[in-house]
């Protein structure tokens, strides 16, 4: 979390948020604080997830737009943890920091099951298939979603992390050039109902639980209007990133195995034209760019530890060379 937000945040605000939703937030377990404060809280021994979003990250209507889309997906068969209303029957409640700025608070059921690690024994074909099927089902259902204008999420081009110069004063010239190349290629892509819509944008293995053969997706904070192919590239991207950090070799072969099963599962629910799979390398490059900018936004990289510095340097090198994190051949999925 940015230092300016950290300074105004307190446990007292968590308790106030918990009161709205009638959960015990006196000793919350912090699960995350990168872009939102996320806590595990309890009511009568049952765990729930309390999320607090500062106004500098999202507006109240953007949070409501996310929650209303989640409800649409739930009503159409997606296995997603439910959004719960407050005692005042609101999906979002507001608490104020010490400077008067607002945090938008919401409560979710906790997803059943466990997170899957790349080193787990059953991190294999059946999981990959179900991962793809789950995303395909969400894409199929998002085509029929027509929100009220005030509850519309951002379009891809409104993403603040698309602007490398916002977070650095001395950006390498080649990074700026590659950023423009990526944006030009995206702007040239066709947009229609069968390849573009409201997507999750972050379904890596840290953002779902696996339970009795089913995937339960959470953390919809990055949902935006985007190409469906981006939602396919992101699981591949983070899988390769995790394997790389585990020191596992032969990533191209692993990527081929993963994508074959993943796309088989996806196509049981939603079919993309072959040309859409050809854009996956572009979306792998886009994720490098936005992650690079995320690290520059969130951290003082001049004083970062060696692992983080090495990570950012690797990403910067791929961006400047126009490379993807892994080789992806669209022909290998069929």
C-alpha atoms as a PDB file:
ATOM      1  CA  UNK A   1       0.000   0.000   0.000  1.00  0.00           C
ATOM      2  CA  UNK A   2       1.204   3.542  -0.703  1.00  0.00           C
ATOM      3  CA  UNK A   3       2.716   5.330   2.301  1.00  0.00           C
ATOM      4  CA  UNK A   4       0.105   8.122   2.181  1.00  0.00           C
ATOM      5  CA  UNK A   5      -2.707   5.571   2.641  1.00  0.00           C
ATOM      6  CA  UNK A   6      -0.822   3.613   5.302  1.00  0.00           C
ATOM      7  CA  UNK A   7      -0.519   6.771   7.395  1.00  0.00           C
ATOM      8  CA  UNK A   8      -4.291   7.250   7.672  1.00  0.00           C
ATOM      9  CA  UNK A   9      -5.252   3.593   8.110  1.00  0.00           C
ATOM     10  CA  UNK A  10      -5.851   2.042  11.525  1.00  0.00           C
ATOM     11  CA  UNK A  11      -7.284  -1.022  13.239  1.00  0.00           C
ATOM     12  CA  UNK A  12     -10.080   1.218  14.483  1.00  0.00           C
ATOM     13  CA  UNK A  13     -11.261   1.620  10.880  1.00  0.00           C
ATOM     14  CA  UNK A  14     -11.316  -2.166  10.481  1.00  0.00           C
ATOM     15  CA  UNK A  15     -13.514  -2.473  13.589  1.00  0.00           C
ATOM     16  CA  UNK A  16     -15.876   0.213  12.267  1.00  0.00           C
ATOM     17  CA  UNK A  17     -16.148  -1.614   8.942  1.00  0.00           C
ATOM     18  CA  UNK A  18     -16.777  -4.877  10.770  1.00  0.00           C
ATOM     19  CA  UNK A  19     -19.620  -3.282  12.733  1.00  0.00           C
ATOM     20  CA  UNK A  20     -21.425  -2.393   9.511  1.00  0.00           C
ATOM     21  CA  UNK A  21     -21.363  -6.044   8.454  1.00  0.00           C
ATOM     22  CA  UNK A  22     -21.890  -7.508  11.925  1.00  0.00           C
ATOM     23  CA  UNK A  23     -18.610  -9.402  11.955  1.00  0.00           C
ATOM     24  CA  UNK A  24     -15.944  -9.494  14.635  1.00  0.00           C
ATOM     25  CA  UNK A  25     -13.050  -7.448  13.268  1.00  0.00           C
ATOM     26  CA  UNK A  26     -11.316  -6.955  16.617  1.00  0.00           C
ATOM     27  CA  UNK A  27      -8.440  -9.302  15.762  1.00  0.00           C
ATOM     28  CA  UNK A  28      -8.567  -9.513  11.969  1.00  0.00           C
ATOM     29  CA  UNK A  29      -6.116 -11.653  10.010  1.00  0.00           C
ATOM     30  CA  UNK A  30      -4.596  -9.500   7.278  1.00  0.00           C
ATOM     31  CA  UNK A  31      -4.551 -11.395   3.980  1.00  0.00           C
ATOM     32  CA  UNK A  32      -3.323  -8.614   1.716  1.00  0.00           C
ATOM     33  CA  UNK A  33      -2.556  -4.914   1.404  1.00  0.00           C
ATOM     34  CA  UNK A  34      -1.121  -4.385  -2.077  1.00  0.00           C
ATOM     35  CA  UNK A  35      -4.044  -2.429  -3.553  1.00  0.00           C
ATOM     36  CA  UNK A  36      -6.783  -3.050  -0.971  1.00  0.00           C
ATOM     37  CA  UNK A  37      -6.749  -3.993   2.688  1.00  0.00           C
ATOM     38  CA  UNK A  38      -8.123  -7.528   2.898  1.00  0.00           C
ATOM     39  CA  UNK A  39      -8.890  -9.283   6.196  1.00  0.00           C
ATOM     40  CA  UNK A  40     -10.327 -12.564   7.372  1.00  0.00           C
ATOM     41  CA  UNK A  41     -12.995 -11.808   9.970  1.00  0.00           C
ATOM     42  CA  UNK A  42     -15.595 -13.931  11.776  1.00  0.00           C
ATOM     43  CA  UNK A  43     -19.283 -14.113  12.616  1.00  0.00           C
ATOM     44  CA  UNK A  44     -20.383 -16.936  14.916  1.00  0.00           C
ATOM     45  CA  UNK A  45     -17.202 -18.851  14.098  1.00  0.00           C
ATOM     46  CA  UNK A  46     -17.713 -18.622  10.326  1.00  0.00           C
ATOM     47  CA  UNK A  47     -14.912 -16.897   8.356  1.00  0.00           C
ATOM     48  CA  UNK A  48     -15.667 -14.030   5.956  1.00  0.00           C
ATOM     49  CA  UNK A  49     -13.513 -11.730   3.861  1.00  0.00           C
ATOM     50  CA  UNK A  50     -13.630  -7.995   4.597  1.00  0.00           C
ATOM     51  CA  UNK A  51     -12.136  -5.697   1.965  1.00  0.00           C
ATOM     52  CA  UNK A  52     -11.388  -1.980   2.372  1.00  0.00           C
ATOM     53  CA  UNK A  53     -10.584   0.081  -0.719  1.00  0.00           C
ATOM     54  CA  UNK A  54      -9.197   3.614  -0.496  1.00  0.00           C
ATOM     55  CA  UNK A  55     -10.749   6.274  -2.732  1.00  0.00           C
ATOM     56  CA  UNK A  56      -7.366   6.829  -4.416  1.00  0.00           C
ATOM     57  CA  UNK A  57      -7.648   3.313  -5.896  1.00  0.00           C
ATOM     58  CA  UNK A  58     -11.339   3.027  -6.843  1.00  0.00           C
ATOM     59  CA  UNK A  59     -14.477   5.143  -6.668  1.00  0.00           C
ATOM     60  CA  UNK A  60     -17.513   3.892  -4.783  1.00  0.00           C
ATOM     61  CA  UNK A  61     -19.375   3.308  -8.058  1.00  0.00           C
ATOM     62  CA  UNK A  62     -16.437   1.338  -9.469  1.00  0.00           C
ATOM     63  CA  UNK A  63     -16.556  -0.941  -6.426  1.00  0.00           C
ATOM     64  CA  UNK A  64     -20.328  -1.297  -6.816  1.00  0.00           C
ATOM     65  CA  UNK A  65     -19.838  -2.066 -10.524  1.00  0.00           C
ATOM     66  CA  UNK A  66     -17.524  -4.940  -9.582  1.00  0.00           C
ATOM     67  CA  UNK A  67     -19.968  -6.317  -7.003  1.00  0.00           C
ATOM     68  CA  UNK A  68     -22.967  -6.109  -9.340  1.00  0.00           C
ATOM     69  CA  UNK A  69     -21.055  -8.023 -12.037  1.00  0.00           C
ATOM     70  CA  UNK A  70     -20.132 -10.690  -9.467  1.00  0.00           C
ATOM     71  CA  UNK A  71     -23.836 -11.026  -8.627  1.00  0.00           C
ATOM     72  CA  UNK A  72     -24.680 -11.401 -12.337  1.00  0.00           C
ATOM     73  CA  UNK A  73     -22.114 -14.204 -12.695  1.00  0.00           C
ATOM     74  CA  UNK A  74     -23.396 -15.934  -9.550  1.00  0.00           C
ATOM     75  CA  UNK A  75     -26.956 -15.760 -10.835  1.00  0.00           C
ATOM     76  CA  UNK A  76     -25.801 -17.450 -14.041  1.00  0.00           C
ATOM     77  CA  UNK A  77     -23.958 -20.429 -12.595  1.00  0.00           C
ATOM     78  CA  UNK A  78     -20.459 -19.178 -11.705  1.00  0.00           C
ATOM     79  CA  UNK A  79     -19.105 -20.572  -8.431  1.00  0.00           C
ATOM     80  CA  UNK A  80     -17.950 -17.322  -6.867  1.00  0.00           C
ATOM     81  CA  UNK A  81     -18.041 -16.367  -3.171  1.00  0.00           C
ATOM     82  CA  UNK A  82     -21.183 -14.342  -2.461  1.00  0.00           C
ATOM     83  CA  UNK A  83     -21.182 -10.599  -1.813  1.00  0.00           C
ATOM     84  CA  UNK A  84     -22.968  -9.905   1.488  1.00  0.00           C
ATOM     85  CA  UNK A  85     -25.003  -6.834   2.397  1.00  0.00           C
ATOM     86  CA  UNK A  86     -24.440  -4.768   5.536  1.00  0.00           C
ATOM     87  CA  UNK A  87     -26.998  -4.437   8.330  1.00  0.00           C
ATOM     88  CA  UNK A  88     -28.183  -1.324   6.447  1.00  0.00           C
ATOM     89  CA  UNK A  89     -28.742  -3.524   3.335  1.00  0.00           C
ATOM     90  CA  UNK A  90     -25.855  -1.890   1.427  1.00  0.00           C
ATOM     91  CA  UNK A  91     -23.212  -3.724  -0.587  1.00  0.00           C
ATOM     92  CA  UNK A  92     -20.677  -0.954   0.160  1.00  0.00           C
ATOM     93  CA  UNK A  93     -20.220   0.984   3.388  1.00  0.00           C
ATOM     94  CA  UNK A  94     -17.901   3.950   3.950  1.00  0.00           C
ATOM     95  CA  UNK A  95     -15.452   4.619   6.774  1.00  0.00           C
ATOM     96  CA  UNK A  96     -13.208   7.697   6.831  1.00  0.00           C
ATOM     97  CA  UNK A  97      -9.490   7.896   7.466  1.00  0.00           C
ATOM     98  CA  UNK A  98      -7.895  10.432   9.782  1.00  0.00           C
ATOM     99  CA  UNK A  99      -7.624  12.913   6.882  1.00  0.00           C
ATOM    100  CA  UNK A 100     -11.300  12.597   5.941  1.00  0.00           C
ATOM    101  CA  UNK A 101     -10.735  10.476   2.832  1.00  0.00           C
ATOM    102  CA  UNK A 102     -12.924   7.429   2.311  1.00  0.00           C
ATOM    103  CA  UNK A 103     -12.476   3.681   2.394  1.00  0.00           C
ATOM    104  CA  UNK A 104     -15.147   1.617   0.614  1.00  0.00           C
ATOM    105  CA  UNK A 105     -15.860  -1.552   2.582  1.00  0.00           C
ATOM    106  CA  UNK A 106     -17.504  -4.774   1.440  1.00  0.00           C
ATOM    107  CA  UNK A 107     -17.875  -8.316   2.745  1.00  0.00           C
ATOM    108  CA  UNK A 108     -17.608 -11.649   0.929  1.00  0.00           C
ATOM    109  CA  UNK A 109     -18.140 -15.246   1.867  1.00  0.00           C
ATOM    110  CA  UNK A 110     -14.828 -17.069   2.124  1.00  0.00           C
ATOM    111  CA  UNK A 111     -14.254 -19.426  -0.811  1.00  0.00           C
ATOM    112  CA  UNK A 112     -14.210 -23.128   0.115  1.00  0.00           C
ATOM    113  CA  UNK A 113     -11.113 -25.172  -0.567  1.00  0.00           C
ATOM    114  CA  UNK A 114      -7.445 -24.215  -0.729  1.00  0.00           C
ATOM    115  CA  UNK A 115      -5.074 -22.216  -2.867  1.00  0.00           C
ATOM    116  CA  UNK A 116      -3.028 -24.304  -5.273  1.00  0.00           C
ATOM    117  CA  UNK A 117       0.757 -24.044  -5.479  1.00  0.00           C
ATOM    118  CA  UNK A 118       2.745 -24.962  -8.582  1.00  0.00           C
ATOM    119  CA  UNK A 119       4.616 -27.516  -6.460  1.00  0.00           C
ATOM    120  CA  UNK A 120       1.402 -29.322  -5.353  1.00  0.00           C
ATOM    121  CA  UNK A 121       1.013 -32.894  -6.540  1.00  0.00           C
ATOM    122  CA  UNK A 122      -2.366 -32.253  -8.184  1.00  0.00           C
ATOM    123  CA  UNK A 123      -1.262 -29.071  -9.946  1.00  0.00           C
ATOM    124  CA  UNK A 124      -1.813 -30.898 -13.226  1.00  0.00           C
ATOM    125  CA  UNK A 125      -4.105 -31.570 -16.170  1.00  0.00           C
ATOM    126  CA  UNK A 126      -7.508 -31.827 -14.404  1.00  0.00           C
ATOM    127  CA  UNK A 127      -6.865 -28.539 -12.572  1.00  0.00           C
ATOM    128  CA  UNK A 128      -5.735 -26.839 -15.816  1.00  0.00           C
ATOM    129  CA  UNK A 129      -8.879 -28.070 -17.580  1.00  0.00           C
ATOM    130  CA  UNK A 130     -11.154 -26.782 -14.805  1.00  0.00           C
ATOM    131  CA  UNK A 131      -9.261 -23.478 -14.703  1.00  0.00           C
ATOM    132  CA  UNK A 132      -9.993 -22.948 -18.396  1.00  0.00           C
ATOM    133  CA  UNK A 133     -13.589 -24.127 -18.083  1.00  0.00           C
ATOM    134  CA  UNK A 134     -14.244 -21.690 -15.248  1.00  0.00           C
ATOM    135  CA  UNK A 135     -12.954 -18.721 -17.269  1.00  0.00           C
ATOM    136  CA  UNK A 136     -14.868 -19.861 -20.357  1.00  0.00           C
ATOM    137  CA  UNK A 137     -18.083 -19.990 -18.344  1.00  0.00           C
ATOM    138  CA  UNK A 138     -17.498 -16.446 -17.063  1.00  0.00           C
ATOM    139  CA  UNK A 139     -16.828 -15.156 -20.589  1.00  0.00           C
ATOM    140  CA  UNK A 140     -19.984 -16.799 -21.873  1.00  0.00           C
ATOM    141  CA  UNK A 141     -22.059 -15.161 -19.152  1.00  0.00           C
ATOM    142  CA  UNK A 142     -20.468 -11.718 -19.439  1.00  0.00           C
ATOM    143  CA  UNK A 143     -21.745 -11.383 -23.017  1.00  0.00           C
ATOM    144  CA  UNK A 144     -25.277 -10.905 -21.695  1.00  0.00           C
ATOM    145  CA  UNK A 145     -24.297  -8.399 -19.004  1.00  0.00           C
ATOM    146  CA  UNK A 146     -25.602  -4.852 -19.542  1.00  0.00           C
ATOM    147  CA  UNK A 147     -24.975  -2.698 -16.453  1.00  0.00           C
ATOM    148  CA  UNK A 148     -26.398   0.706 -15.691  1.00  0.00           C
ATOM    149  CA  UNK A 149     -24.098   3.454 -17.006  1.00  0.00           C
ATOM    150  CA  UNK A 150     -23.068   4.557 -13.498  1.00  0.00           C
ATOM    151  CA  UNK A 151     -21.984   1.006 -12.668  1.00  0.00           C
ATOM    152  CA  UNK A 152     -19.620   0.536 -15.601  1.00  0.00           C
ATOM    153  CA  UNK A 153     -16.066  -0.611 -14.977  1.00  0.00           C
ATOM    154  CA  UNK A 154     -13.044   0.939 -16.670  1.00  0.00           C
ATOM    155  CA  UNK A 155     -12.056   0.164 -20.239  1.00  0.00           C
ATOM    156  CA  UNK A 156      -8.612  -1.334 -20.813  1.00  0.00           C
ATOM    157  CA  UNK A 157      -7.145   1.956 -22.071  1.00  0.00           C
ATOM    158  CA  UNK A 158      -8.133   3.745 -18.840  1.00  0.00           C
ATOM    159  CA  UNK A 159      -5.744   1.564 -16.814  1.00  0.00           C
ATOM    160  CA  UNK A 160      -3.299   3.865 -14.993  1.00  0.00           C
ATOM    161  CA  UNK A 161      -0.579   1.213 -15.175  1.00  0.00           C
ATOM    162  CA  UNK A 162      -0.376   1.714 -18.945  1.00  0.00           C
ATOM    163  CA  UNK A 163       1.644   4.889 -18.398  1.00  0.00           C
ATOM    164  CA  UNK A 164       5.237   4.112 -17.457  1.00  0.00           C
ATOM    165  CA  UNK A 165       6.139   7.815 -17.139  1.00  0.00           C
ATOM    166  CA  UNK A 166       3.623   8.316 -14.325  1.00  0.00           C
ATOM    167  CA  UNK A 167       5.813   6.436 -11.842  1.00  0.00           C
ATOM    168  CA  UNK A 168       9.363   7.087 -13.056  1.00  0.00           C
ATOM    169  CA  UNK A 169      11.233  10.253 -13.966  1.00  0.00           C
ATOM    170  CA  UNK A 170      14.071   8.429 -15.759  1.00  0.00           C
ATOM    171  CA  UNK A 171      12.341   5.759 -17.847  1.00  0.00           C
ATOM    172  CA  UNK A 172      14.630   3.960 -20.309  1.00  0.00           C
ATOM    173  CA  UNK A 173      13.852   5.200 -23.819  1.00  0.00           C
ATOM    174  CA  UNK A 174      13.405   1.678 -25.152  1.00  0.00           C
ATOM    175  CA  UNK A 175      10.751   0.923 -22.489  1.00  0.00           C
ATOM    176  CA  UNK A 176       8.775   4.002 -23.613  1.00  0.00           C
ATOM    177  CA  UNK A 177       9.080   2.901 -27.253  1.00  0.00           C
ATOM    178  CA  UNK A 178       7.895  -0.628 -26.490  1.00  0.00           C
ATOM    179  CA  UNK A 179       4.999   0.728 -24.426  1.00  0.00           C
ATOM    180  CA  UNK A 180       3.839   2.704 -27.455  1.00  0.00           C
ATOM    181  CA  UNK A 181       4.225  -0.351 -29.704  1.00  0.00           C
ATOM    182  CA  UNK A 182       2.069  -2.431 -27.351  1.00  0.00           C
ATOM    183  CA  UNK A 183      -0.625   0.260 -27.152  1.00  0.00           C
ATOM    184  CA  UNK A 184      -0.676   0.714 -30.925  1.00  0.00           C
ATOM    185  CA  UNK A 185      -1.099  -3.036 -31.449  1.00  0.00           C
ATOM    186  CA  UNK A 186      -3.939  -3.129 -28.905  1.00  0.00           C
ATOM    187  CA  UNK A 187      -5.698  -0.173 -30.523  1.00  0.00           C
ATOM    188  CA  UNK A 188      -5.580  -2.012 -33.851  1.00  0.00           C
ATOM    189  CA  UNK A 189      -7.365  -5.132 -32.528  1.00  0.00           C
ATOM    190  CA  UNK A 190     -11.013  -5.659 -33.492  1.00  0.00           C
ATOM    191  CA  UNK A 191     -13.638  -5.358 -30.756  1.00  0.00           C
ATOM    192  CA  UNK A 192     -16.931  -7.275 -30.833  1.00  0.00           C
ATOM    193  CA  UNK A 193     -19.189  -9.251 -28.510  1.00  0.00           C
ATOM    194  CA  UNK A 194     -17.436 -12.562 -29.142  1.00  0.00           C
ATOM    195  CA  UNK A 195     -13.915 -11.387 -28.273  1.00  0.00           C
ATOM    196  CA  UNK A 196     -14.336  -8.483 -25.842  1.00  0.00           C
ATOM    197  CA  UNK A 197     -16.252  -7.790 -22.634  1.00  0.00           C
ATOM    198  CA  UNK A 198     -16.012  -7.400 -18.869  1.00  0.00           C
ATOM    199  CA  UNK A 199     -13.346  -9.819 -17.620  1.00  0.00           C
ATOM    200  CA  UNK A 200     -11.710 -10.644 -14.276  1.00  0.00           C
ATOM    201  CA  UNK A 201      -8.198  -9.740 -15.541  1.00  0.00           C
ATOM    202  CA  UNK A 202      -6.273 -11.546 -12.792  1.00  0.00           C
ATOM    203  CA  UNK A 203      -7.204 -15.256 -12.541  1.00  0.00           C
ATOM    204  CA  UNK A 204      -3.818 -16.622 -11.491  1.00  0.00           C
ATOM    205  CA  UNK A 205      -3.551 -19.475  -9.001  1.00  0.00           C
ATOM    206  CA  UNK A 206      -3.412 -17.060  -6.067  1.00  0.00           C
ATOM    207  CA  UNK A 207      -6.906 -15.780  -6.843  1.00  0.00           C
ATOM    208  CA  UNK A 208      -8.932 -18.968  -6.591  1.00  0.00           C
ATOM    209  CA  UNK A 209      -9.486 -21.904  -4.277  1.00  0.00           C
ATOM    210  CA  UNK A 210      -9.800 -25.475  -5.534  1.00  0.00           C
ATOM    211  CA  UNK A 211     -12.515 -27.532  -3.864  1.00  0.00           C
ATOM    212  CA  UNK A 212     -13.904 -30.938  -4.848  1.00  0.00           C
ATOM    213  CA  UNK A 213     -12.800 -30.560  -8.458  1.00  0.00           C
ATOM    214  CA  UNK A 214     -14.162 -27.015  -8.851  1.00  0.00           C
ATOM    215  CA  UNK A 215     -12.466 -23.626  -8.914  1.00  0.00           C
ATOM    216  CA  UNK A 216     -13.902 -20.759  -6.845  1.00  0.00           C
ATOM    217  CA  UNK A 217     -12.580 -17.437  -8.142  1.00  0.00           C
ATOM    218  CA  UNK A 218     -12.208 -14.327  -5.987  1.00  0.00           C
ATOM    219  CA  UNK A 219     -10.493 -10.893  -6.036  1.00  0.00           C
ATOM    220  CA  UNK A 220     -12.361  -9.191  -8.877  1.00  0.00           C
ATOM    221  CA  UNK A 221     -10.732  -5.825  -8.093  1.00  0.00           C
ATOM    222  CA  UNK A 222      -8.987  -5.627 -11.491  1.00  0.00           C
ATOM    223  CA  UNK A 223     -12.059  -6.450 -13.586  1.00  0.00           C
ATOM    224  CA  UNK A 224     -12.287  -4.266 -16.698  1.00  0.00           C
ATOM    225  CA  UNK A 225     -13.500  -4.212 -20.281  1.00  0.00           C
ATOM    226  CA  UNK A 226     -10.879  -6.102 -22.205  1.00  0.00           C
ATOM    227  CA  UNK A 227     -10.263  -8.796 -24.783  1.00  0.00           C
ATOM    228  CA  UNK A 228     -11.124 -12.294 -23.627  1.00  0.00           C
ATOM    229  CA  UNK A 229      -7.681 -13.436 -24.793  1.00  0.00           C
ATOM    230  CA  UNK A 230      -6.121 -11.291 -22.062  1.00  0.00           C
ATOM    231  CA  UNK A 231      -7.921 -13.418 -19.464  1.00  0.00           C
ATOM    232  CA  UNK A 232      -6.251 -16.482 -21.036  1.00  0.00           C
ATOM    233  CA  UNK A 233      -2.785 -14.932 -21.143  1.00  0.00           C
ATOM    234  CA  UNK A 234      -2.722 -13.907 -17.483  1.00  0.00           C
ATOM    235  CA  UNK A 235      -2.911 -17.445 -15.976  1.00  0.00           C
ATOM    236  CA  UNK A 236      -0.122 -18.507 -18.353  1.00  0.00           C
ATOM    237  CA  UNK A 237       1.960 -15.451 -17.452  1.00  0.00           C
ATOM    238  CA  UNK A 238       1.818 -15.944 -13.681  1.00  0.00           C
ATOM    239  CA  UNK A 239       2.273 -19.691 -13.952  1.00  0.00           C
ATOM    240  CA  UNK A 240       5.515 -19.143 -15.865  1.00  0.00           C
ATOM    241  CA  UNK A 241       6.568 -16.474 -13.359  1.00  0.00           C
ATOM    242  CA  UNK A 242       5.980 -18.896 -10.445  1.00  0.00           C
ATOM    243  CA  UNK A 243       7.829 -21.751 -12.136  1.00  0.00           C
ATOM    244  CA  UNK A 244      10.745 -19.465 -12.957  1.00  0.00           C
ATOM    245  CA  UNK A 245      11.031 -18.452  -9.283  1.00  0.00           C
ATOM    246  CA  UNK A 246      10.947 -22.143  -8.278  1.00  0.00           C
ATOM    247  CA  UNK A 247      13.942 -22.687 -10.565  1.00  0.00           C
ATOM    248  CA  UNK A 248      12.016 -25.055 -12.841  1.00  0.00           C
ATOM    249  CA  UNK A 249      13.467 -25.434 -16.347  1.00  0.00           C
ATOM    250  CA  UNK A 250      11.776 -26.262 -19.658  1.00  0.00           C
ATOM    251  CA  UNK A 251       9.106 -23.567 -19.371  1.00  0.00           C
ATOM    252  CA  UNK A 252       8.108 -23.732 -23.049  1.00  0.00           C
ATOM    253  CA  UNK A 253       7.176 -27.404 -22.687  1.00  0.00           C
ATOM    254  CA  UNK A 254       5.252 -26.763 -19.477  1.00  0.00           C
ATOM    255  CA  UNK A 255       3.428 -23.851 -21.149  1.00  0.00           C
ATOM    256  CA  UNK A 256       2.368 -26.103 -24.034  1.00  0.00           C
ATOM    257  CA  UNK A 257       1.060 -28.768 -21.654  1.00  0.00           C
ATOM    258  CA  UNK A 258      -0.785 -26.216 -19.548  1.00  0.00           C
ATOM    259  CA  UNK A 259      -2.404 -24.393 -22.460  1.00  0.00           C
ATOM    260  CA  UNK A 260      -3.567 -27.586 -24.206  1.00  0.00           C
ATOM    261  CA  UNK A 261      -5.587 -28.672 -21.153  1.00  0.00           C
ATOM    262  CA  UNK A 262      -6.592 -25.123 -20.227  1.00  0.00           C
ATOM    263  CA  UNK A 263      -8.009 -24.346 -23.693  1.00  0.00           C
ATOM    264  CA  UNK A 264      -9.783 -27.729 -23.850  1.00  0.00           C
ATOM    265  CA  UNK A 265     -11.590 -26.756 -20.662  1.00  0.00           C
ATOM    266  CA  UNK A 266     -12.244 -23.207 -21.888  1.00  0.00           C
ATOM    267  CA  UNK A 267     -13.822 -24.395 -25.123  1.00  0.00           C
ATOM    268  CA  UNK A 268     -16.366 -26.562 -23.302  1.00  0.00           C
ATOM    269  CA  UNK A 269     -17.990 -23.234 -22.326  1.00  0.00           C
ATOM    270  CA  UNK A 270     -16.897 -20.596 -24.846  1.00  0.00           C
ATOM    271  CA  UNK A 271     -15.366 -20.678 -28.320  1.00  0.00           C
ATOM    272  CA  UNK A 272     -12.931 -18.054 -29.609  1.00  0.00           C
ATOM    273  CA  UNK A 273     -11.945 -17.680 -33.247  1.00  0.00           C
ATOM    274  CA  UNK A 274      -8.410 -19.031 -33.943  1.00  0.00           C
ATOM    275  CA  UNK A 275      -7.172 -15.484 -34.618  1.00  0.00           C
ATOM    276  CA  UNK A 276      -7.896 -14.564 -30.974  1.00  0.00           C
ATOM    277  CA  UNK A 277      -5.352 -17.109 -29.696  1.00  0.00           C
ATOM    278  CA  UNK A 278      -2.729 -15.411 -31.873  1.00  0.00           C
ATOM    279  CA  UNK A 279      -3.021 -12.299 -29.681  1.00  0.00           C
ATOM    280  CA  UNK A 280      -1.974 -14.099 -26.478  1.00  0.00           C
ATOM    281  CA  UNK A 281       1.738 -13.156 -26.886  1.00  0.00           C
ATOM    282  CA  UNK A 282       0.705  -9.490 -27.094  1.00  0.00           C
ATOM    283  CA  UNK A 283      -1.205  -9.828 -23.823  1.00  0.00           C
ATOM    284  CA  UNK A 284       1.801 -11.538 -22.211  1.00  0.00           C
ATOM    285  CA  UNK A 285       3.820  -8.438 -23.136  1.00  0.00           C
ATOM    286  CA  UNK A 286       1.064  -6.192 -21.805  1.00  0.00           C
ATOM    287  CA  UNK A 287       1.158  -7.947 -18.433  1.00  0.00           C
ATOM    288  CA  UNK A 288       4.927  -7.421 -18.253  1.00  0.00           C
ATOM    289  CA  UNK A 289       4.344  -3.712 -18.857  1.00  0.00           C
ATOM    290  CA  UNK A 290       1.574  -3.262 -16.275  1.00  0.00           C
ATOM    291  CA  UNK A 291       3.436  -5.341 -13.660  1.00  0.00           C
ATOM    292  CA  UNK A 292       6.597  -3.302 -14.267  1.00  0.00           C
ATOM    293  CA  UNK A 293       4.604  -0.113 -13.677  1.00  0.00           C
ATOM    294  CA  UNK A 294       2.902  -1.645 -10.613  1.00  0.00           C
ATOM    295  CA  UNK A 295       6.280  -2.289  -8.987  1.00  0.00           C
ATOM    296  CA  UNK A 296       7.404   1.268  -9.705  1.00  0.00           C
ATOM    297  CA  UNK A 297       4.159   2.635  -8.256  1.00  0.00           C
ATOM    298  CA  UNK A 298       4.209   0.561  -5.070  1.00  0.00           C
ATOM    299  CA  UNK A 299       7.880   0.317  -4.104  1.00  0.00           C
ATOM    300  CA  UNK A 300      10.986   2.440  -3.687  1.00  0.00           C
ATOM    301  CA  UNK A 301      12.996   0.381  -6.145  1.00  0.00           C
ATOM    302  CA  UNK A 302      16.185   2.376  -5.595  1.00  0.00           C
ATOM    303  CA  UNK A 303      16.249   0.865  -2.093  1.00  0.00           C
ATOM    304  CA  UNK A 304      14.587  -2.474  -2.860  1.00  0.00           C
ATOM    305  CA  UNK A 305      15.993  -5.831  -1.780  1.00  0.00           C
ATOM    306  CA  UNK A 306      17.861  -7.954  -4.304  1.00  0.00           C
ATOM    307  CA  UNK A 307      15.021 -10.407  -5.194  1.00  0.00           C
ATOM    308  CA  UNK A 308      12.633  -7.552  -6.051  1.00  0.00           C
ATOM    309  CA  UNK A 309      15.328  -5.650  -7.959  1.00  0.00           C
ATOM    310  CA  UNK A 310      16.166  -8.781  -9.962  1.00  0.00           C
ATOM    311  CA  UNK A 311      12.489  -9.386 -10.737  1.00  0.00           C
ATOM    312  CA  UNK A 312      11.987  -5.845 -12.047  1.00  0.00           C
ATOM    313  CA  UNK A 313      15.237  -5.967 -14.025  1.00  0.00           C
ATOM    314  CA  UNK A 314      14.140  -9.196 -15.743  1.00  0.00           C
ATOM    315  CA  UNK A 315      10.799  -7.654 -16.666  1.00  0.00           C
ATOM    316  CA  UNK A 316      12.482  -4.499 -17.962  1.00  0.00           C
ATOM    317  CA  UNK A 317      14.839  -6.567 -20.100  1.00  0.00           C
ATOM    318  CA  UNK A 318      11.941  -8.489 -21.660  1.00  0.00           C
ATOM    319  CA  UNK A 319      10.079  -5.254 -22.370  1.00  0.00           C
ATOM    320  CA  UNK A 320      13.057  -3.560 -24.023  1.00  0.00           C
ATOM    321  CA  UNK A 321      13.745  -6.645 -26.149  1.00  0.00           C
ATOM    322  CA  UNK A 322      10.076  -7.101 -27.101  1.00  0.00           C
ATOM    323  CA  UNK A 323      10.136 -10.676 -25.716  1.00  0.00           C
ATOM    324  CA  UNK A 324       7.429 -12.633 -23.931  1.00  0.00           C
ATOM    325  CA  UNK A 325       7.927 -14.454 -20.632  1.00  0.00           C
ATOM    326  CA  UNK A 326       7.489 -17.756 -22.491  1.00  0.00           C
ATOM    327  CA  UNK A 327       7.129 -18.882 -26.081  1.00  0.00           C
ATOM    328  CA  UNK A 328       3.497 -19.404 -27.003  1.00  0.00           C
ATOM    329  CA  UNK A 329       2.525 -21.097 -30.269  1.00  0.00           C
ATOM    330  CA  UNK A 330      -1.221 -20.648 -30.991  1.00  0.00           C
ATOM    331  CA  UNK A 331      -1.149 -23.938 -32.941  1.00  0.00           C
ATOM    332  CA  UNK A 332      -0.264 -25.897 -29.816  1.00  0.00           C
ATOM    333  CA  UNK A 333      -3.691 -25.464 -28.238  1.00  0.00           C
ATOM    334  CA  UNK A 334      -5.465 -27.675 -30.760  1.00  0.00           C
END
